[in-house]
């Protein structure tokens, strides 16, 4: 038996409870991971609340939350080399808030010595998201300017660093507190503004000499998202990947026509391989390995400020909902 944080109904943080359930058995091309740290994401909060992008995303209840873990391989399924047992890994999973979790071998990356287990949980969901926002959606080119909203969060803190690594000419960050703006500057942003102030769009235009930015990464929505088109340079791209402000931004196509600008949507779940055969050679598997290598070499620094024991998963959810977190939030086991 093992511990697992499950929901039997959707609702507030109080619906998260620790159950005793059977340890899963790895199937073909799967590994069983003894979890050392489980990542907690905003999407876990919305899943607990019963809010989904599509009903296909809704889990069958009772359900164990968590989509990423780091730990040690304890067993392998058919088709997976036995020598992986005992290796430290980070992986995409279903049901990561538990003592053990199953992962596809192709969506698992080995961790070199020196890479911290807890910090590495920032790489599957938030790291891959930041990478794909910049590379696949915005198609960043050397010298382009990038605006990263909520730049002290899990995705934002990695996006600031990756934008710089991918050759951005100017990186502008926004965050809601002085502490978070300082962190963004420490991570490599050239400017950091307060997105809760009505002044931030003018600050962005001033920082770019009135031209605007080539790329905006927005997970806030609402008034912040609606101000985005006014900050875009000609041929600029606004990439939307969340609605943490709980209000959809409203756009008119006519706002984008004159500047040949684009609004692009991103949803990681829709990009993950849909079946066992689809995982082999999938781009996300390669991205995860590259992110691990970057972290091992010191080229990427996951930010971890909040760690909760498994039994306090509800407190982790409350911290994210209250926007009290910086960087990655994890459950430790």
Protein backbone atom coordinates (compact mmCIF):
# COMPACT_ATOMS: atom_id res chain seq x y z
CA UNK A 1 0.00 0.00 0.00
CA UNK A 2 1.02 3.63 -0.44
CA UNK A 3 -0.16 7.11 0.42
CA UNK A 4 -1.89 9.13 -2.29
CA UNK A 5 -3.51 12.57 -2.17
CA UNK A 6 -6.85 12.15 -3.92
CA UNK A 7 -10.05 14.02 -4.59
CA UNK A 8 -13.38 12.22 -4.28
CA UNK A 9 -15.25 15.35 -5.34
CA UNK A 10 -14.29 18.72 -6.76
CA UNK A 11 -14.22 21.80 -4.58
CA UNK A 12 -11.93 23.78 -2.28
CA UNK A 13 -8.56 22.67 -0.89
CA UNK A 14 -10.36 20.72 1.82
CA UNK A 15 -11.38 18.04 -0.72
CA UNK A 16 -7.74 16.90 -0.93
CA UNK A 17 -7.24 13.94 1.35
CA UNK A 18 -4.58 11.32 1.95
CA UNK A 19 -5.77 7.78 1.15
CA UNK A 20 -4.09 4.41 1.32
CA UNK A 21 -4.21 2.69 -2.08
CA UNK A 22 -2.40 -0.10 -3.89
CA UNK A 23 1.03 0.57 -5.39
CA UNK A 24 0.60 0.60 -9.20
CA UNK A 25 2.32 -2.03 -11.34
CA UNK A 26 4.30 -0.84 -14.40
CA UNK A 27 3.00 -2.01 -17.74
CA UNK A 28 4.85 -2.25 -21.07
CA UNK A 29 7.34 0.60 -21.58
CA UNK A 30 6.59 2.03 -18.12
CA UNK A 31 8.66 2.62 -15.01
CA UNK A 32 7.53 2.80 -11.39
CA UNK A 33 9.06 5.76 -9.58
CA UNK A 34 9.49 6.06 -5.82
CA UNK A 35 8.56 9.73 -5.57
CA UNK A 36 10.89 12.10 -3.79
CA UNK A 37 9.18 15.32 -4.90
CA UNK A 38 5.94 16.00 -6.76
CA UNK A 39 5.36 19.24 -8.63
CA UNK A 40 2.28 21.32 -7.85
CA UNK A 41 0.87 23.46 -10.66
CA UNK A 42 -1.97 25.91 -11.18
CA UNK A 43 -3.60 23.31 -13.43
CA UNK A 44 -3.80 21.00 -10.38
CA UNK A 45 -5.72 23.74 -8.59
CA UNK A 46 -8.20 24.10 -11.45
CA UNK A 47 -8.58 20.31 -11.71
CA UNK A 48 -9.39 20.16 -7.99
CA UNK A 49 -11.97 22.90 -8.52
CA UNK A 50 -13.53 21.05 -11.45
CA UNK A 51 -12.54 23.69 -14.00
CA UNK A 52 -11.21 22.20 -17.25
CA UNK A 53 -10.35 23.44 -20.72
CA UNK A 54 -12.43 20.56 -22.05
CA UNK A 55 -14.51 17.89 -20.37
CA UNK A 56 -12.11 15.32 -21.77
CA UNK A 57 -9.63 16.68 -19.22
CA UNK A 58 -11.83 15.74 -16.27
CA UNK A 59 -10.46 12.78 -14.29
CA UNK A 60 -12.56 9.84 -13.16
CA UNK A 61 -13.12 10.28 -9.43
CA UNK A 62 -11.61 9.44 -7.05
CA UNK A 63 -8.45 10.76 -8.69
CA UNK A 64 -4.87 11.32 -7.60
CA UNK A 65 -3.62 14.73 -8.74
CA UNK A 66 -0.13 15.58 -9.98
CA UNK A 67 1.46 15.51 -13.43
CA UNK A 68 5.21 15.54 -12.70
CA UNK A 69 7.55 13.91 -10.21
CA UNK A 70 11.20 13.34 -9.47
CA UNK A 71 12.47 10.29 -7.67
CA UNK A 72 14.12 6.89 -8.06
CA UNK A 73 13.04 4.09 -10.39
CA UNK A 74 11.95 1.15 -8.25
CA UNK A 75 10.60 -1.22 -10.93
CA UNK A 76 10.32 -1.51 -14.69
CA UNK A 77 7.67 -2.93 -16.96
CA UNK A 78 8.10 -5.18 -20.02
CA UNK A 79 10.38 -3.66 -22.62
CA UNK A 80 12.26 -1.42 -20.17
CA UNK A 81 15.86 -2.28 -19.18
CA UNK A 82 16.19 -3.55 -15.60
CA UNK A 83 19.33 -1.49 -15.12
CA UNK A 84 17.16 1.63 -14.81
CA UNK A 85 16.15 0.47 -11.32
CA UNK A 86 17.88 2.72 -8.80
CA UNK A 87 18.37 5.62 -11.25
CA UNK A 88 17.29 9.15 -10.31
CA UNK A 89 14.74 10.50 -12.81
CA UNK A 90 12.24 13.26 -13.50
CA UNK A 91 9.08 12.45 -15.44
CA UNK A 92 5.60 13.30 -16.63
CA UNK A 93 3.08 11.17 -14.75
CA UNK A 94 -0.58 10.79 -13.89
CA UNK A 95 -1.18 10.79 -10.14
CA UNK A 96 2.06 12.28 -8.86
CA UNK A 97 0.83 13.23 -5.37
CA UNK A 98 1.73 9.79 -4.05
CA UNK A 99 4.55 7.63 -2.71
CA UNK A 100 4.81 5.90 -6.11
CA UNK A 101 3.83 6.93 -9.64
CA UNK A 102 3.96 5.36 -13.09
CA UNK A 103 5.68 7.08 -16.00
CA UNK A 104 6.26 6.26 -19.63
CA UNK A 105 9.90 5.49 -20.24
CA UNK A 106 10.00 7.94 -23.16
CA UNK A 107 8.65 10.77 -20.99
CA UNK A 108 11.26 10.15 -18.29
CA UNK A 109 14.68 11.77 -18.12
CA UNK A 110 17.60 10.60 -15.99
CA UNK A 111 19.05 13.16 -13.61
CA UNK A 112 22.83 13.66 -13.53
CA UNK A 113 24.55 13.94 -10.16
CA UNK A 114 24.17 17.40 -8.72
CA UNK A 115 20.70 18.09 -10.10
CA UNK A 116 18.36 18.47 -7.14
CA UNK A 117 15.30 16.22 -7.14
CA UNK A 118 12.88 18.89 -5.96
CA UNK A 119 14.20 21.58 -8.31
CA UNK A 120 14.01 19.22 -11.29
CA UNK A 121 10.21 18.98 -10.91
CA UNK A 122 10.07 22.45 -12.50
CA UNK A 123 11.23 20.99 -15.81
CA UNK A 124 8.45 18.70 -17.16
CA UNK A 125 5.41 20.98 -17.06
CA UNK A 126 6.75 24.48 -16.55
CA UNK A 127 10.08 24.02 -18.30
CA UNK A 128 8.60 22.37 -21.38
CA UNK A 129 5.87 25.02 -21.45
CA UNK A 130 8.37 27.89 -21.34
CA UNK A 131 10.46 26.23 -24.07
CA UNK A 132 7.51 25.63 -26.40
CA UNK A 133 6.01 29.07 -25.82
CA UNK A 134 9.20 30.68 -27.05
CA UNK A 135 10.41 28.21 -29.66
CA UNK A 136 7.33 26.52 -31.10
CA UNK A 137 4.62 29.16 -30.66
CA UNK A 138 6.41 32.52 -30.82
CA UNK A 139 9.29 31.20 -32.97
CA UNK A 140 11.72 33.54 -31.29
CA UNK A 141 14.51 34.91 -33.47
CA UNK A 142 17.84 36.31 -32.24
CA UNK A 143 17.59 39.94 -31.22
CA UNK A 144 13.82 39.97 -30.69
CA UNK A 145 12.27 41.49 -27.59
CA UNK A 146 10.18 39.42 -25.17
CA UNK A 147 7.68 40.43 -22.50
CA UNK A 148 7.09 37.77 -19.82
CA UNK A 149 4.12 38.33 -17.53
CA UNK A 150 4.16 36.80 -14.01
CA UNK A 151 7.90 36.40 -14.46
CA UNK A 152 8.56 35.15 -10.93
CA UNK A 153 6.23 32.17 -11.34
CA UNK A 154 7.16 28.66 -12.37
CA UNK A 155 6.85 29.17 -16.13
CA UNK A 156 7.81 32.83 -16.08
CA UNK A 157 11.06 32.40 -14.15
CA UNK A 158 12.21 29.77 -16.65
CA UNK A 159 10.93 31.74 -19.66
CA UNK A 160 13.03 34.76 -18.67
CA UNK A 161 16.16 32.60 -18.62
CA UNK A 162 15.33 30.69 -21.80
CA UNK A 163 14.48 33.88 -23.71
CA UNK A 164 17.94 35.16 -22.90
CA UNK A 165 19.49 31.83 -23.86
CA UNK A 166 17.58 31.78 -27.16
CA UNK A 167 19.08 35.13 -28.12
CA UNK A 168 16.47 37.69 -27.09
CA UNK A 169 17.70 41.24 -27.46
CA UNK A 170 15.56 42.68 -24.65
CA UNK A 171 13.68 40.77 -21.95
CA UNK A 172 10.97 42.63 -20.07
CA UNK A 173 9.33 41.06 -17.03
CA UNK A 174 6.21 41.91 -15.06
CA UNK A 175 5.34 40.80 -11.55
CA UNK A 176 3.03 41.97 -8.79
CA UNK A 177 5.54 42.70 -6.01
CA UNK A 178 8.92 44.36 -5.63
CA UNK A 179 10.45 41.08 -4.41
CA UNK A 180 9.24 39.21 -7.47
CA UNK A 181 10.42 41.94 -9.84
CA UNK A 182 13.87 41.81 -8.26
CA UNK A 183 13.97 38.05 -8.81
CA UNK A 184 13.11 38.55 -12.49
CA UNK A 185 15.97 41.01 -12.85
CA UNK A 186 18.33 38.60 -11.09
CA UNK A 187 17.30 35.88 -13.58
CA UNK A 188 18.26 38.05 -16.55
CA UNK A 189 15.42 40.44 -17.34
CA UNK A 190 16.46 43.91 -18.50
CA UNK A 191 13.36 45.60 -17.08
CA UNK A 192 10.71 44.59 -14.54
CA UNK A 193 7.35 46.36 -14.21
CA UNK A 194 4.27 46.00 -12.03
CA UNK A 195 1.44 44.47 -14.08
CA UNK A 196 -1.10 45.45 -11.39
CA UNK A 197 -0.42 49.10 -12.24
CA UNK A 198 -2.18 50.80 -15.15
CA UNK A 199 1.22 52.26 -16.09
CA UNK A 200 2.86 49.01 -17.26
CA UNK A 201 1.85 49.23 -20.96
CA UNK A 202 3.40 52.69 -21.20
CA UNK A 203 6.51 51.41 -19.40
CA UNK A 204 6.86 48.61 -21.97
CA UNK A 205 6.55 51.04 -24.87
CA UNK A 206 9.07 53.40 -23.27
CA UNK A 207 11.53 50.52 -22.73
CA UNK A 208 11.31 49.63 -26.43
CA UNK A 209 11.54 53.17 -27.77
CA UNK A 210 7.84 53.16 -28.62
CA UNK A 211 8.12 50.16 -30.96
CA UNK A 212 6.61 47.54 -28.67
CA UNK A 213 7.77 43.97 -28.07
CA UNK A 214 8.03 41.17 -30.60
CA UNK A 215 6.72 38.49 -28.22
CA UNK A 216 4.38 38.53 -25.21
CA UNK A 217 3.86 35.48 -22.99
CA UNK A 218 0.60 35.90 -21.09
CA UNK A 219 -0.97 33.58 -18.52
CA UNK A 220 -3.03 36.29 -16.79
CA UNK A 221 -5.80 37.26 -19.21
CA UNK A 222 -8.39 39.88 -18.30
CA UNK A 223 -7.30 43.52 -18.53
CA UNK A 224 -3.63 42.50 -18.64
CA UNK A 225 -4.24 40.36 -21.71
CA UNK A 226 -6.40 43.00 -23.35
CA UNK A 227 -3.58 45.54 -23.07
CA UNK A 228 -1.23 43.16 -24.89
CA UNK A 229 -2.00 44.09 -28.52
CA UNK A 230 -1.22 47.73 -27.74
CA UNK A 231 2.29 46.69 -26.66
CA UNK A 232 3.09 44.55 -29.71
CA UNK A 233 5.58 45.55 -32.35
CA UNK A 234 4.73 45.07 -36.04
CA UNK A 235 4.55 41.31 -36.76
CA UNK A 236 4.48 40.70 -32.99
CA UNK A 237 3.09 37.54 -31.39
CA UNK A 238 0.98 37.37 -28.24
CA UNK A 239 1.00 33.83 -26.83
CA UNK A 240 -1.80 33.01 -24.38
CA UNK A 241 -1.29 30.00 -22.11
CA UNK A 242 -3.40 30.62 -19.03
CA UNK A 243 -6.08 32.68 -17.32
CA UNK A 244 -4.84 33.07 -13.76
CA UNK A 245 -6.78 36.34 -13.52
CA UNK A 246 -9.96 34.23 -13.91
CA UNK A 247 -11.22 36.56 -16.65
CA UNK A 248 -10.85 35.98 -20.37
CA UNK A 249 -9.25 38.73 -22.43
CA UNK A 250 -11.35 40.05 -25.31
CA UNK A 251 -9.63 40.72 -28.64
CA UNK A 252 -10.87 42.13 -31.93
CA UNK A 253 -9.24 40.98 -35.14
CA UNK A 254 -9.09 44.59 -36.31
CA UNK A 255 -6.64 45.33 -33.49
CA UNK A 256 -4.12 42.99 -35.10
CA UNK A 257 -4.59 43.61 -38.80
CA UNK A 258 -2.67 46.84 -39.25
CA UNK A 259 0.44 45.55 -37.51
CA UNK A 260 0.26 42.04 -39.02
CA UNK A 261 0.20 40.69 -35.47
CA UNK A 262 -0.92 37.33 -34.10
CA UNK A 263 -2.57 35.86 -31.01
CA UNK A 264 -1.55 32.23 -30.43
CA UNK A 265 -3.00 29.79 -27.92
CA UNK A 266 -1.00 27.13 -26.07
CA UNK A 267 -2.13 24.14 -23.99
CA UNK A 268 0.52 21.63 -22.92
CA UNK A 269 -1.94 18.76 -22.42
CA UNK A 270 -2.95 18.95 -26.07
CA UNK A 271 0.69 18.59 -27.11
CA UNK A 272 1.53 15.54 -25.01
CA UNK A 273 1.62 12.19 -26.82
CA UNK A 274 -1.84 10.63 -26.88
CA UNK A 275 -0.89 6.95 -26.94
CA UNK A 276 1.98 4.64 -25.96
CA UNK A 277 3.32 4.48 -29.50
CA UNK A 278 3.22 8.27 -29.89
CA UNK A 279 5.73 8.84 -27.06
CA UNK A 280 8.67 7.33 -28.92
CA UNK A 281 10.72 10.12 -30.41
CA UNK A 282 8.14 12.73 -29.39
CA UNK A 283 9.56 16.29 -29.35
CA UNK A 284 8.60 16.79 -25.69
CA UNK A 285 10.84 13.89 -24.64
CA UNK A 286 13.81 15.58 -26.31
CA UNK A 287 12.95 18.97 -24.80
CA UNK A 288 12.82 17.46 -21.31
CA UNK A 289 16.27 15.92 -21.75
CA UNK A 290 17.69 19.23 -23.01
CA UNK A 291 16.24 21.07 -20.02
CA UNK A 292 17.86 18.55 -17.66
CA UNK A 293 21.21 19.01 -19.41
CA UNK A 294 20.90 22.80 -19.22
CA UNK A 295 20.18 22.58 -15.50
CA UNK A 296 23.09 20.22 -14.91
CA UNK A 297 25.48 22.58 -16.71
CA UNK A 298 24.27 25.65 -14.81
CA UNK A 299 22.63 27.19 -17.88
CA UNK A 300 19.19 27.08 -16.30
CA UNK A 301 18.26 27.73 -12.68
CA UNK A 302 14.89 26.43 -11.49
CA UNK A 303 13.59 28.59 -8.65
CA UNK A 304 12.23 26.66 -5.67
CA UNK A 305 10.95 28.58 -2.66
CA UNK A 306 7.96 26.55 -1.46
CA UNK A 307 8.08 22.90 -0.34
CA UNK A 308 5.28 21.19 1.58
CA UNK A 309 5.06 17.64 2.95
CA UNK A 310 2.59 15.41 1.12
CA UNK A 311 0.03 15.71 3.92
CA UNK A 312 -0.09 19.50 3.39
CA UNK A 313 -1.11 19.42 -0.26
CA UNK A 314 -4.08 21.62 0.61
CA UNK A 315 -1.72 24.31 1.93
CA UNK A 316 0.28 24.15 -1.30
CA UNK A 317 -2.91 24.71 -3.29
CA UNK A 318 -3.89 27.63 -1.07
CA UNK A 319 -0.48 29.25 -1.54
CA UNK A 320 -0.78 29.05 -5.33
CA UNK A 321 -4.36 30.33 -5.35
CA UNK A 322 -3.39 33.27 -3.13
CA UNK A 323 -0.43 34.11 -5.43
CA UNK A 324 1.95 33.87 -2.51
CA UNK A 325 4.38 31.60 -4.33
CA UNK A 326 7.61 32.28 -6.17
CA UNK A 327 8.97 29.81 -8.71
CA UNK A 328 8.22 26.13 -8.29
CA UNK A 329 5.98 24.63 -5.60
CA UNK A 330 6.55 20.99 -4.61
CA UNK A 331 5.34 18.29 -2.26
CA UNK A 332 8.16 16.40 -0.60
CA UNK A 333 7.99 12.74 0.40
